[in-house]
PDB file of N, CA and C in Angstrom:
ATOM      1  N   MET A   1      71.128 134.646 111.901  1.00  0.00           N
ATOM      2  CA  MET A   1      71.036 133.787 110.738  1.00  0.00           C
ATOM      3  C   MET A   1      72.343 133.888 109.961  1.00  0.00           C
ATOM      4  N   ALA A   2      72.870 132.753 109.541  1.00  0.00           N
ATOM      5  CA  ALA A   2      74.151 132.714 108.833  1.00  0.00           C
ATOM      6  C   ALA A   2      73.971 133.173 107.387  1.00  0.00           C
ATOM      7  N   LYS A   3      75.010 133.862 106.891  1.00  0.00           N
ATOM      8  CA  LYS A   3      74.976 134.304 105.491  1.00  0.00           C
ATOM      9  C   LYS A   3      75.278 133.140 104.574  1.00  0.00           C
ATOM     10  N   ARG A   4      74.605 133.107 103.464  1.00  0.00           N
ATOM     11  CA  ARG A   4      74.896 132.092 102.443  1.00  0.00           C
ATOM     12  C   ARG A   4      76.010 132.614 101.567  1.00  0.00           C
ATOM     13  N   ARG A   5      76.934 131.736 101.238  1.00  0.00           N
ATOM     14  CA  ARG A   5      78.019 132.119 100.343  1.00  0.00           C
ATOM     15  C   ARG A   5      77.515 132.151  98.916  1.00  0.00           C
ATOM     16  N   ARG A   6      77.913 133.166  98.216  1.00  0.00           N
ATOM     17  CA  ARG A   6      77.548 133.251  96.808  1.00  0.00           C
ATOM     18  C   ARG A   6      78.527 132.413  95.999  1.00  0.00           C
ATOM     19  N   LYS A   7      78.049 131.868  94.910  1.00  0.00           N
ATOM     20  CA  LYS A   7      78.906 131.101  94.005  1.00  0.00           C
ATOM     21  C   LYS A   7      78.950 131.835  92.682  1.00  0.00           C
ATOM     22  N   PHE A   8      80.149 131.943  92.138  1.00  0.00           N
ATOM     23  CA  PHE A   8      80.337 132.619  90.864  1.00  0.00           C
ATOM     24  C   PHE A   8      80.832 131.607  89.849  1.00  0.00           C
ATOM     25  N   ASP A   9      80.247 131.635  88.660  1.00  0.00           N
ATOM     26  CA  ASP A   9      80.696 130.699  87.638  1.00  0.00           C
ATOM     27  C   ASP A   9      81.975 131.216  86.983  1.00  0.00           C
ATOM     28  N   ALA A  10      82.643 130.325  86.272  1.00  0.00           N
ATOM     29  CA  ALA A  10      83.936 130.635  85.671  1.00  0.00           C
ATOM     30  C   ALA A  10      83.836 131.778  84.664  1.00  0.00           C
ATOM     31  N   GLU A  11      82.743 131.828  83.933  1.00  0.00           N
ATOM     32  CA  GLU A  11      82.567 132.877  82.929  1.00  0.00           C
ATOM     33  C   GLU A  11      82.509 134.259  83.581  1.00  0.00           C
ATOM     34  N   PHE A  12      81.803 134.363  84.691  1.00  0.00           N
ATOM     35  CA  PHE A  12      81.704 135.630  85.411  1.00  0.00           C
ATOM     36  C   PHE A  12      83.061 136.053  85.940  1.00  0.00           C
ATOM     37  N   LYS A  13      83.782 135.108  86.539  1.00  0.00           N
ATOM     38  CA  LYS A  13      85.110 135.412  87.087  1.00  0.00           C
ATOM     39  C   LYS A  13      86.037 135.921  85.989  1.00  0.00           C
ATOM     40  N   ALA A  14      86.027 135.240  84.844  1.00  0.00           N
ATOM     41  CA  ALA A  14      86.888 135.648  83.729  1.00  0.00           C
ATOM     42  C   ALA A  14      86.513 137.041  83.248  1.00  0.00           C
ATOM     43  N   GLN A  15      85.224 137.324  83.170  1.00  0.00           N
ATOM     44  CA  GLN A  15      84.764 138.651  82.721  1.00  0.00           C
ATOM     45  C   GLN A  15      85.286 139.736  83.651  1.00  0.00           C
ATOM     46  N   VAL A  16      85.160 139.528  84.955  1.00  0.00           N
ATOM     47  CA  VAL A  16      85.586 140.539  85.927  1.00  0.00           C
ATOM     48  C   VAL A  16      87.095 140.734  85.852  1.00  0.00           C
ATOM     49  N   VAL A  17      87.845 139.639  85.806  1.00  0.00           N
ATOM     50  CA  VAL A  17      89.305 139.732  85.748  1.00  0.00           C
ATOM     51  C   VAL A  17      89.744 140.435  84.469  1.00  0.00           C
ATOM     52  N   LEU A  18      89.127 140.099  83.348  1.00  0.00           N
ATOM     53  CA  LEU A  18      89.494 140.741  82.088  1.00  0.00           C
ATOM     54  C   LEU A  18      89.181 142.237  82.100  1.00  0.00           C
ATOM     55  N   GLU A  19      88.092 142.627  82.731  1.00  0.00           N
ATOM     56  CA  GLU A  19      87.767 144.050  82.836  1.00  0.00           C
ATOM     57  C   GLU A  19      88.849 144.795  83.606  1.00  0.00           C
ATOM     58  N   VAL A  20      89.356 144.176  84.671  1.00  0.00           N
ATOM     59  CA  VAL A  20      90.402 144.812  85.477  1.00  0.00           C
ATOM     60  C   VAL A  20      91.731 144.812  84.725  1.00  0.00           C
ATOM     61  N   LEU A  21      92.087 143.677  84.121  1.00  0.00           N
ATOM     62  CA  LEU A  21      93.369 143.587  83.411  1.00  0.00           C
ATOM     63  C   LEU A  21      93.420 144.507  82.193  1.00  0.00           C
ATOM     64  N   SER A  22      92.308 144.655  81.511  1.00  0.00           N
ATOM     65  CA  SER A  22      92.288 145.487  80.303  1.00  0.00           C
ATOM     66  C   SER A  22      92.161 146.975  80.621  1.00  0.00           C
ATOM     67  N   GLY A  23      91.879 147.294  81.876  1.00  0.00           N
ATOM     68  CA  GLY A  23      91.785 148.697  82.265  1.00  0.00           C
ATOM     69  C   GLY A  23      90.408 149.292  82.089  1.00  0.00           C
ATOM     70  N   VAL A  24      89.439 148.487  81.718  1.00  0.00           N
ATOM     71  CA  VAL A  24      88.068 148.985  81.583  1.00  0.00           C
ATOM     72  C   VAL A  24      87.568 149.488  82.933  1.00  0.00           C
ATOM     73  N   LYS A  25      87.935 148.754  83.990  1.00  0.00           N
ATOM     74  CA  LYS A  25      87.548 149.141  85.349  1.00  0.00           C
ATOM     75  C   LYS A  25      88.765 149.008  86.252  1.00  0.00           C
ATOM     76  N   THR A  26      88.783 149.824  87.279  1.00  0.00           N
ATOM     77  CA  THR A  26      89.820 149.660  88.295  1.00  0.00           C
ATOM     78  C   THR A  26      89.391 148.532  89.217  1.00  0.00           C
ATOM     79  N   ARG A  27      90.338 148.057  90.019  1.00  0.00           N
ATOM     80  CA  ARG A  27      90.030 146.997  90.986  1.00  0.00           C
ATOM     81  C   ARG A  27      88.892 147.458  91.896  1.00  0.00           C
ATOM     82  N   ALA A  28      88.971 148.686  92.386  1.00  0.00           N
ATOM     83  CA  ALA A  28      87.947 149.201  93.303  1.00  0.00           C
ATOM     84  C   ALA A  28      86.578 149.290  92.622  1.00  0.00           C
ATOM     85  N   GLU A  29      86.554 149.747  91.377  1.00  0.00           N
ATOM     86  CA  GLU A  29      85.282 149.840  90.649  1.00  0.00           C
ATOM     87  C   GLU A  29      84.648 148.466  90.461  1.00  0.00           C
ATOM     88  N   ALA A  30      85.447 147.501  90.075  1.00  0.00           N
ATOM     89  CA  ALA A  30      84.928 146.142  89.857  1.00  0.00           C
ATOM     90  C   ALA A  30      84.402 145.554  91.158  1.00  0.00           C
ATOM     91  N   CYS A  31      85.160 145.742  92.242  1.00  0.00           N
ATOM     92  CA  CYS A  31      84.719 145.204  93.532  1.00  0.00           C
ATOM     93  C   CYS A  31      83.402 145.833  93.974  1.00  0.00           C
ATOM     94  N   ARG A  32      83.291 147.138  93.808  1.00  0.00           N
ATOM     95  CA  ARG A  32      82.063 147.840  94.192  1.00  0.00           C
ATOM     96  C   ARG A  32      80.883 147.407  93.329  1.00  0.00           C
ATOM     97  N   GLU A  33      81.104 147.391  92.013  1.00  0.00           N
ATOM     98  CA  GLU A  33      80.012 147.074  91.085  1.00  0.00           C
ATOM     99  C   GLU A  33      79.485 145.656  91.268  1.00  0.00           C
ATOM    100  N   TYR A  34      80.386 144.714  91.458  1.00  0.00           N
ATOM    101  CA  TYR A  34      79.975 143.309  91.547  1.00  0.00           C
ATOM    102  C   TYR A  34      79.809 142.815  92.981  1.00  0.00           C
ATOM    103  N   GLY A  35      80.115 143.671  93.938  1.00  0.00           N
ATOM    104  CA  GLY A  35      79.926 143.312  95.338  1.00  0.00           C
ATOM    105  C   GLY A  35      80.844 142.185  95.788  1.00  0.00           C
ATOM    106  N   ILE A  36      82.096 142.239  95.358  1.00  0.00           N
ATOM    107  CA  ILE A  36      83.069 141.215  95.765  1.00  0.00           C
ATOM    108  C   ILE A  36      84.211 141.897  96.502  1.00  0.00           C
ATOM    109  N   GLY A  37      84.906 141.115  97.314  1.00  0.00           N
ATOM    110  CA  GLY A  37      86.028 141.655  98.072  1.00  0.00           C
ATOM    111  C   GLY A  37      87.285 141.752  97.224  1.00  0.00           C
ATOM    112  N   SER A  38      88.161 142.647  97.634  1.00  0.00           N
ATOM    113  CA  SER A  38      89.410 142.867  96.922  1.00  0.00           C
ATOM    114  C   SER A  38      90.291 141.610  96.947  1.00  0.00           C
ATOM    115  N   GLN A  39      90.304 140.918  98.086  1.00  0.00           N
ATOM    116  CA  GLN A  39      91.107 139.688  98.192  1.00  0.00           C
ATOM    117  C   GLN A  39      90.582 138.604  97.257  1.00  0.00           C
ATOM    118  N   LEU A  40      89.275 138.510  97.153  1.00  0.00           N
ATOM    119  CA  LEU A  40      88.690 137.518  96.260  1.00  0.00           C
ATOM    120  C   LEU A  40      89.069 137.816  94.819  1.00  0.00           C
ATOM    121  N   LEU A  41      88.984 139.075  94.428  1.00  0.00           N
ATOM    122  CA  LEU A  41      89.376 139.456  93.075  1.00  0.00           C
ATOM    123  C   LEU A  41      90.859 139.161  92.843  1.00  0.00           C
ATOM    124  N   SER A  42      91.683 139.382  93.833  1.00  0.00           N
ATOM    125  CA  SER A  42      93.115 139.081  93.707  1.00  0.00           C
ATOM    126  C   SER A  42      93.338 137.588  93.478  1.00  0.00           C
ATOM    127  N   LYS A  43      92.583 136.748  94.177  1.00  0.00           N
ATOM    128  CA  LYS A  43      92.691 135.290  93.986  1.00  0.00           C
ATOM    129  C   LYS A  43      92.286 134.903  92.569  1.00  0.00           C
ATOM    130  N   TRP A  44      91.174 135.455  92.101  1.00  0.00           N
ATOM    131  CA  TRP A  44      90.704 135.155  90.740  1.00  0.00           C
ATOM    132  C   TRP A  44      91.747 135.572  89.713  1.00  0.00           C
ATOM    133  N   LYS A  45      92.312 136.771  89.903  1.00  0.00           N
ATOM    134  CA  LYS A  45      93.303 137.298  88.968  1.00  0.00           C
ATOM    135  C   LYS A  45      94.549 136.415  88.954  1.00  0.00           C
ATOM    136  N   ALA A  46      95.028 136.008  90.123  1.00  0.00           N
ATOM    137  CA  ALA A  46      96.217 135.149  90.204  1.00  0.00           C
ATOM    138  C   ALA A  46      95.949 133.807  89.533  1.00  0.00           C
ATOM    139  N   HIS A  47      94.793 133.235  89.784  1.00  0.00           N
ATOM    140  CA  HIS A  47      94.429 131.949  89.176  1.00  0.00           C
ATOM    141  C   HIS A  47      94.341 132.090  87.651  1.00  0.00           C
ATOM    142  N   PHE A  48      93.746 133.168  87.204  1.00  0.00           N
ATOM    143  CA  PHE A  48      93.613 133.436  85.772  1.00  0.00           C
ATOM    144  C   PHE A  48      94.991 133.512  85.113  1.00  0.00           C
ATOM    145  N   LEU A  49      95.887 134.280  85.713  1.00  0.00           N
ATOM    146  CA  LEU A  49      97.209 134.464  85.129  1.00  0.00           C
ATOM    147  C   LEU A  49      98.050 133.186  85.178  1.00  0.00           C
ATOM    148  N   GLU A  50      97.892 132.391  86.233  1.00  0.00           N
ATOM    149  CA  GLU A  50      98.629 131.123  86.335  1.00  0.00           C
ATOM    150  C   GLU A  50      98.213 130.148  85.237  1.00  0.00           C
ATOM    151  N   ASN A  51      96.961 130.176  84.867  1.00  0.00           N
ATOM    152  CA  ASN A  51      96.435 129.194  83.912  1.00  0.00           C
ATOM    153  C   ASN A  51      96.285 129.723  82.490  1.00  0.00           C
ATOM    154  N   ALA A  52      96.659 130.964  82.255  1.00  0.00           N
ATOM    155  CA  ALA A  52      96.483 131.566  80.931  1.00  0.00           C
ATOM    156  C   ALA A  52      97.269 130.826  79.852  1.00  0.00           C
ATOM    157  N   ALA A  53      98.459 130.341  80.163  1.00  0.00           N
ATOM    158  CA  ALA A  53      99.298 129.672  79.161  1.00  0.00           C
ATOM    159  C   ALA A  53      98.670 128.371  78.665  1.00  0.00           C
ATOM    160  N   ARG A  54      97.849 127.750  79.459  1.00  0.00           N
ATOM    161  CA  ARG A  54      97.223 126.477  79.062  1.00  0.00           C
ATOM    162  C   ARG A  54      96.306 126.614  77.862  1.00  0.00           C
ATOM    163  N   ILE A  55      95.813 127.794  77.635  1.00  0.00           N
ATOM    164  CA  ILE A  55      94.922 128.021  76.497  1.00  0.00           C
ATOM    165  C   ILE A  55      95.634 127.712  75.194  1.00  0.00           C
ATOM    166  N   PHE A  56      96.936 127.966  75.153  1.00  0.00           N
ATOM    167  CA  PHE A  56      97.693 127.827  73.920  1.00  0.00           C
ATOM    168  C   PHE A  56      98.398 126.481  73.786  1.00  0.00           C
ATOM    169  N   GLU A  57      98.236 125.598  74.736  1.00  0.00           N
ATOM    170  CA  GLU A  57      98.840 124.279  74.660  1.00  0.00           C
ATOM    171  C   GLU A  57      98.063 123.416  73.682  1.00  0.00           C
ATOM    172  N   ASP A  58      98.795 122.718  72.801  1.00  0.00           N
ATOM    173  CA  ASP A  58      98.142 121.842  71.828  1.00  0.00           C
ATOM    174  C   ASP A  58      97.619 120.584  72.488  1.00  0.00           C
ATOM    175  N   GLY A  59      98.420 119.952  73.298  1.00  0.00           N
ATOM    176  CA  GLY A  59      98.031 118.693  73.921  1.00  0.00           C
ATOM    177  C   GLY A  59      97.588 118.895  75.343  1.00  0.00           C
ATOM    178  N   SER A  60      96.596 119.727  75.536  1.00  0.00           N
ATOM    179  CA  SER A  60      96.133 119.978  76.896  1.00  0.00           C
ATOM    180  C   SER A  60      95.594 118.686  77.510  1.00  0.00           C
ATOM    181  N   PRO A  61      95.763 118.523  78.822  1.00  0.00           N
ATOM    182  CA  PRO A  61      95.315 117.288  79.471  1.00  0.00           C
ATOM    183  C   PRO A  61      93.847 116.981  79.231  1.00  0.00           C
ATOM    184  N   SER A  62      92.988 117.990  79.269  1.00  0.00           N
ATOM    185  CA  SER A  62      91.562 117.707  79.088  1.00  0.00           C
ATOM    186  C   SER A  62      91.278 117.218  77.666  1.00  0.00           C
ATOM    187  N   ARG A  63      91.980 117.775  76.679  1.00  0.00           N
ATOM    188  CA  ARG A  63      91.776 117.338  75.298  1.00  0.00           C
ATOM    189  C   ARG A  63      92.263 115.898  75.131  1.00  0.00           C
ATOM    190  N   ASN A  64      93.414 115.571  75.731  1.00  0.00           N
ATOM    191  CA  ASN A  64      93.933 114.207  75.658  1.00  0.00           C
ATOM    192  C   ASN A  64      92.982 113.229  76.349  1.00  0.00           C
ATOM    193  N   GLU A  65      92.447 113.639  77.488  1.00  0.00           N
ATOM    194  CA  GLU A  65      91.492 112.786  78.199  1.00  0.00           C
ATOM    195  C   GLU A  65      90.228 112.592  77.369  1.00  0.00           C
ATOM    196  N   ASP A  66      89.764 113.660  76.738  1.00  0.00           N
ATOM    197  CA  ASP A  66      88.572 113.566  75.886  1.00  0.00           C
ATOM    198  C   ASP A  66      88.821 112.614  74.717  1.00  0.00           C
ATOM    199  N   ASN A  67      90.000 112.724  74.095  1.00  0.00           N
ATOM    200  CA  ASN A  67      90.332 111.848  72.970  1.00  0.00           C
ATOM    201  C   ASN A  67      90.421 110.398  73.410  1.00  0.00           C
ATOM    202  N   ALA A  68      91.017 110.149  74.582  1.00  0.00           N
ATOM    203  CA  ALA A  68      91.113 108.782  75.090  1.00  0.00           C
ATOM    204  C   ALA A  68      89.722 108.221  75.382  1.00  0.00           C
ATOM    205  N   ARG A  69      88.868 109.037  75.970  1.00  0.00           N
ATOM    206  CA  ARG A  69      87.500 108.606  76.279  1.00  0.00           C
ATOM    207  C   ARG A  69      86.730 108.320  74.994  1.00  0.00           C
ATOM    208  N   MET A  70      86.911 109.172  73.987  1.00  0.00           N
ATOM    209  CA  MET A  70      86.244 108.982  72.700  1.00  0.00           C
ATOM    210  C   MET A  70      86.697 107.675  72.053  1.00  0.00           C
ATOM    211  N   ALA A  71      88.004 107.411  72.092  1.00  0.00           N
ATOM    212  CA  ALA A  71      88.530 106.179  71.505  1.00  0.00           C
ATOM    213  C   ALA A  71      87.971 104.957  72.227  1.00  0.00           C
ATOM    214  N   GLU A  72      87.888 105.026  73.546  1.00  0.00           N
ATOM    215  CA  GLU A  72      87.340 103.912  74.322  1.00  0.00           C
ATOM    216  C   GLU A  72      85.871 103.670  73.966  1.00  0.00           C
ATOM    217  N   LEU A  73      85.094 104.735  73.837  1.00  0.00           N
ATOM    218  CA  LEU A  73      83.686 104.600  73.479  1.00  0.00           C
ATOM    219  C   LEU A  73      83.521 104.047  72.067  1.00  0.00           C
ATOM    220  N   GLU A  74      84.397 104.454  71.147  1.00  0.00           N
ATOM    221  CA  GLU A  74      84.333 103.920  69.783  1.00  0.00           C
ATOM    222  C   GLU A  74      84.657 102.427  69.771  1.00  0.00           C
ATOM    223  N   ARG A  75      85.647 102.016  70.576  1.00  0.00           N
ATOM    224  CA  ARG A  75      85.963 100.578  70.667  1.00  0.00           C
ATOM    225  C   ARG A  75      84.775  99.801  71.230  1.00  0.00           C
ATOM    226  N   LEU A  76      84.152 100.352  72.254  1.00  0.00           N
ATOM    227  CA  LEU A  76      83.000  99.699  72.864  1.00  0.00           C
ATOM    228  C   LEU A  76      81.853  99.582  71.862  1.00  0.00           C
ATOM    229  N   ALA A  77      81.583 100.645  71.119  1.00  0.00           N
ATOM    230  CA  ALA A  77      80.509 100.617  70.114  1.00  0.00           C
ATOM    231  C   ALA A  77      80.817  99.590  69.026  1.00  0.00           C
ATOM    232  N   GLY A  78      82.071  99.501  68.604  1.00  0.00           N
ATOM    233  CA  GLY A  78      82.457  98.513  67.601  1.00  0.00           C
ATOM    234  C   GLY A  78      82.270  97.095  68.104  1.00  0.00           C
ATOM    235  N   ARG A  79      82.663  96.865  69.344  1.00  0.00           N
ATOM    236  CA  ARG A  79      82.514  95.526  69.935  1.00  0.00           C
ATOM    237  C   ARG A  79      81.041  95.155  70.037  1.00  0.00           C
ATOM    238  N   GLN A  80      80.212  96.106  70.450  1.00  0.00           N
ATOM    239  CA  GLN A  80      78.780  95.831  70.568  1.00  0.00           C
ATOM    240  C   GLN A  80      78.150  95.573  69.205  1.00  0.00           C
ATOM    241  N   ALA A  81      78.585  96.302  68.188  1.00  0.00           N
ATOM    242  CA  ALA A  81      78.061  96.084  66.838  1.00  0.00           C
ATOM    243  C   ALA A  81      78.413  94.676  66.361  1.00  0.00           C
ATOM    244  N   LEU A  82      79.640  94.246  66.652  1.00  0.00           N
ATOM    245  CA  LEU A  82      80.064  92.899  66.269  1.00  0.00           C
ATOM    246  C   LEU A  82      79.240  91.842  67.010  1.00  0.00           C
ATOM    247  N   GLU A  83      79.019  92.056  68.303  1.00  0.00           N
ATOM    248  CA  GLU A  83      78.215  91.113  69.081  1.00  0.00           C
ATOM    249  C   GLU A  83      76.787  91.021  68.539  1.00  0.00           C
ATOM    250  N   ILE A  84      76.230  92.146  68.152  1.00  0.00           N
ATOM    251  CA  ILE A  84      74.877  92.153  67.589  1.00  0.00           C
ATOM    252  C   ILE A  84      74.828  91.348  66.304  1.00  0.00           C
ATOM    253  N   GLN A  85      75.831  91.505  65.439  1.00  0.00           N
ATOM    254  CA  GLN A  85      75.873  90.741  64.191  1.00  0.00           C
ATOM    255  C   GLN A  85      75.964  89.247  64.476  1.00  0.00           C
ATOM    256  N   VAL A  86      76.806  88.871  65.437  1.00  0.00           N
ATOM    257  CA  VAL A  86      76.953  87.450  65.776  1.00  0.00           C
ATOM    258  C   VAL A  86      75.648  86.900  66.321  1.00  0.00           C
ATOM    259  N   LEU A  87      74.992  87.649  67.192  1.00  0.00           N
ATOM    260  CA  LEU A  87      73.730  87.182  67.763  1.00  0.00           C
ATOM    261  C   LEU A  87      72.632  87.064  66.709  1.00  0.00           C
ATOM    262  N   LYS A  88      72.585  87.995  65.766  1.00  0.00           N
ATOM    263  CA  LYS A  88      71.600  87.901  64.692  1.00  0.00           C
ATOM    264  C   LYS A  88      71.851  86.664  63.842  1.00  0.00           C
ATOM    265  N   LYS A  89      73.112  86.402  63.537  1.00  0.00           N
ATOM    266  CA  LYS A  89      73.467  85.231  62.730  1.00  0.00           C
ATOM    267  C   LYS A  89      73.076  83.949  63.478  1.00  0.00           C
ATOM    268  N   ALA A  90      73.414  83.890  64.775  1.00  0.00           N
ATOM    269  CA  ALA A  90      73.078  82.710  65.568  1.00  0.00           C
ATOM    270  C   ALA A  90      71.563  82.530  65.653  1.00  0.00           C
ATOM    271  N   SER A  91      70.851  83.624  65.799  1.00  0.00           N
ATOM    272  CA  SER A  91      69.400  83.556  65.878  1.00  0.00           C
ATOM    273  C   SER A  91      68.800  83.020  64.578  1.00  0.00           C
ATOM    274  N   SER A  92      69.311  83.474  63.445  1.00  0.00           N
ATOM    275  CA  SER A  92      68.772  82.999  62.170  1.00  0.00           C
ATOM    276  C   SER A  92      69.106  81.528  61.958  1.00  0.00           C
ATOM    277  N   ILE A  93      70.276  81.089  62.402  1.00  0.00           N
ATOM    278  CA  ILE A  93      70.644  79.671  62.275  1.00  0.00           C
ATOM    279  C   ILE A  93      69.743  78.817  63.150  1.00  0.00           C
ATOM    280  N   LEU A  94      69.487  79.263  64.373  1.00  0.00           N
ATOM    281  CA  LEU A  94      68.639  78.493  65.286  1.00  0.00           C
ATOM    282  C   LEU A  94      67.200  78.425  64.780  1.00  0.00           C
ATOM    283  N   ARG A  95      66.728  79.491  64.143  1.00  0.00           N
ATOM    284  CA  ARG A  95      65.368  79.472  63.613  1.00  0.00           C
ATOM    285  C   ARG A  95      65.241  78.529  62.418  1.00  0.00           C
ATOM    286  N   SER A  96      66.311  78.411  61.645  1.00  0.00           N
ATOM    287  CA  SER A  96      66.230  77.565  60.450  1.00  0.00           C
ATOM    288  C   SER A  96      66.355  76.079  60.783  1.00  0.00           C
ATOM    289  N   HIS A  97      66.915  75.738  61.922  1.00  0.00           N
ATOM    290  CA  HIS A  97      67.022  74.331  62.342  1.00  0.00           C
ATOM    291  C   HIS A  97      65.980  74.062  63.420  1.00  0.00           C
ATOM    292  N   PRO A  98      65.079  73.108  63.199  1.00  0.00           N
ATOM    293  CA  PRO A  98      64.061  72.819  64.215  1.00  0.00           C
ATOM    294  C   PRO A  98      64.712  72.226  65.460  1.00  0.00           C
ATOM    295  N   SER A  99      64.141  72.528  66.610  1.00  0.00           N
ATOM    296  CA  SER A  99      64.670  71.995  67.863  1.00  0.00           C
ATOM    297  C   SER A  99      64.329  70.514  67.972  1.00  0.00           C
ATOM    298  N   GLU A 100      64.910  69.841  68.946  1.00  0.00           N
ATOM    299  CA  GLU A 100      64.687  68.407  69.123  1.00  0.00           C
ATOM    300  C   GLU A 100      63.219  68.123  69.432  1.00  0.00           C
ATOM    301  N   ASN A 101      62.579  68.995  70.188  1.00  0.00           N
ATOM    302  CA  ASN A 101      61.164  68.808  70.510  1.00  0.00           C
ATOM    303  C   ASN A 101      60.317  68.897  69.247  1.00  0.00           C
ATOM    304  N   GLU A 102      60.636  69.832  68.368  1.00  0.00           N
ATOM    305  CA  GLU A 102      59.862  69.985  67.127  1.00  0.00           C
ATOM    306  C   GLU A 102      60.101  68.794  66.216  1.00  0.00           C
ATOM    307  N   ARG A 103      61.345  68.280  66.181  1.00  0.00           N
ATOM    308  CA  ARG A 103      61.647  67.111  65.333  1.00  0.00           C
ATOM    309  C   ARG A 103      60.883  65.869  65.802  1.00  0.00           C
ATOM    310  N   SER A 104      60.763  65.674  67.113  1.00  0.00           N
ATOM    311  CA  SER A 104      60.085  64.497  67.611  1.00  0.00           C
ATOM    312  C   SER A 104      58.584  64.565  67.314  1.00  0.00           C
ATOM    313  N   ARG A 105      58.030  65.763  67.258  1.00  0.00           N
ATOM    314  CA  ARG A 105      56.618  65.908  66.928  1.00  0.00           C
ATOM    315  C   ARG A 105      56.335  65.503  65.497  1.00  0.00           C
ATOM    316  N   TRP A 106      57.234  65.754  64.606  1.00  0.00           N
ATOM    317  CA  TRP A 106      57.031  65.489  63.189  1.00  0.00           C
ATOM    318  C   TRP A 106      57.412  64.071  62.810  1.00  0.00           C
ATOM    319  N   SER A 107      58.107  63.378  63.656  1.00  0.00           N
ATOM    320  CA  SER A 107      58.539  62.020  63.322  1.00  0.00           C
ATOM    321  C   SER A 107      57.506  60.976  63.620  1.00  0.00           C
TER     322      SER A 107
END
């Protein structure tokens, strides 16, 4: 029977890497305690260190993407609100003027 691969979430990976980097645990202790391989921990640590500087960036790509998405959604909501107002106005005008069928009945 084939082994299933375990999946680790980002929070867990960061916790393990920080424990090793801060000296709370040695690499061997962390690997033993969490049941992970030394190479895997090395990959997590390298990835962590490569991306650490992004935390301090003001205009991070994800924040810019979020802001662009928010602006697009606000434009869409504004357009829909305007369309609703126009449709309500048109509906009230149509209700106040009798249709041709109603006019012929009264004539």
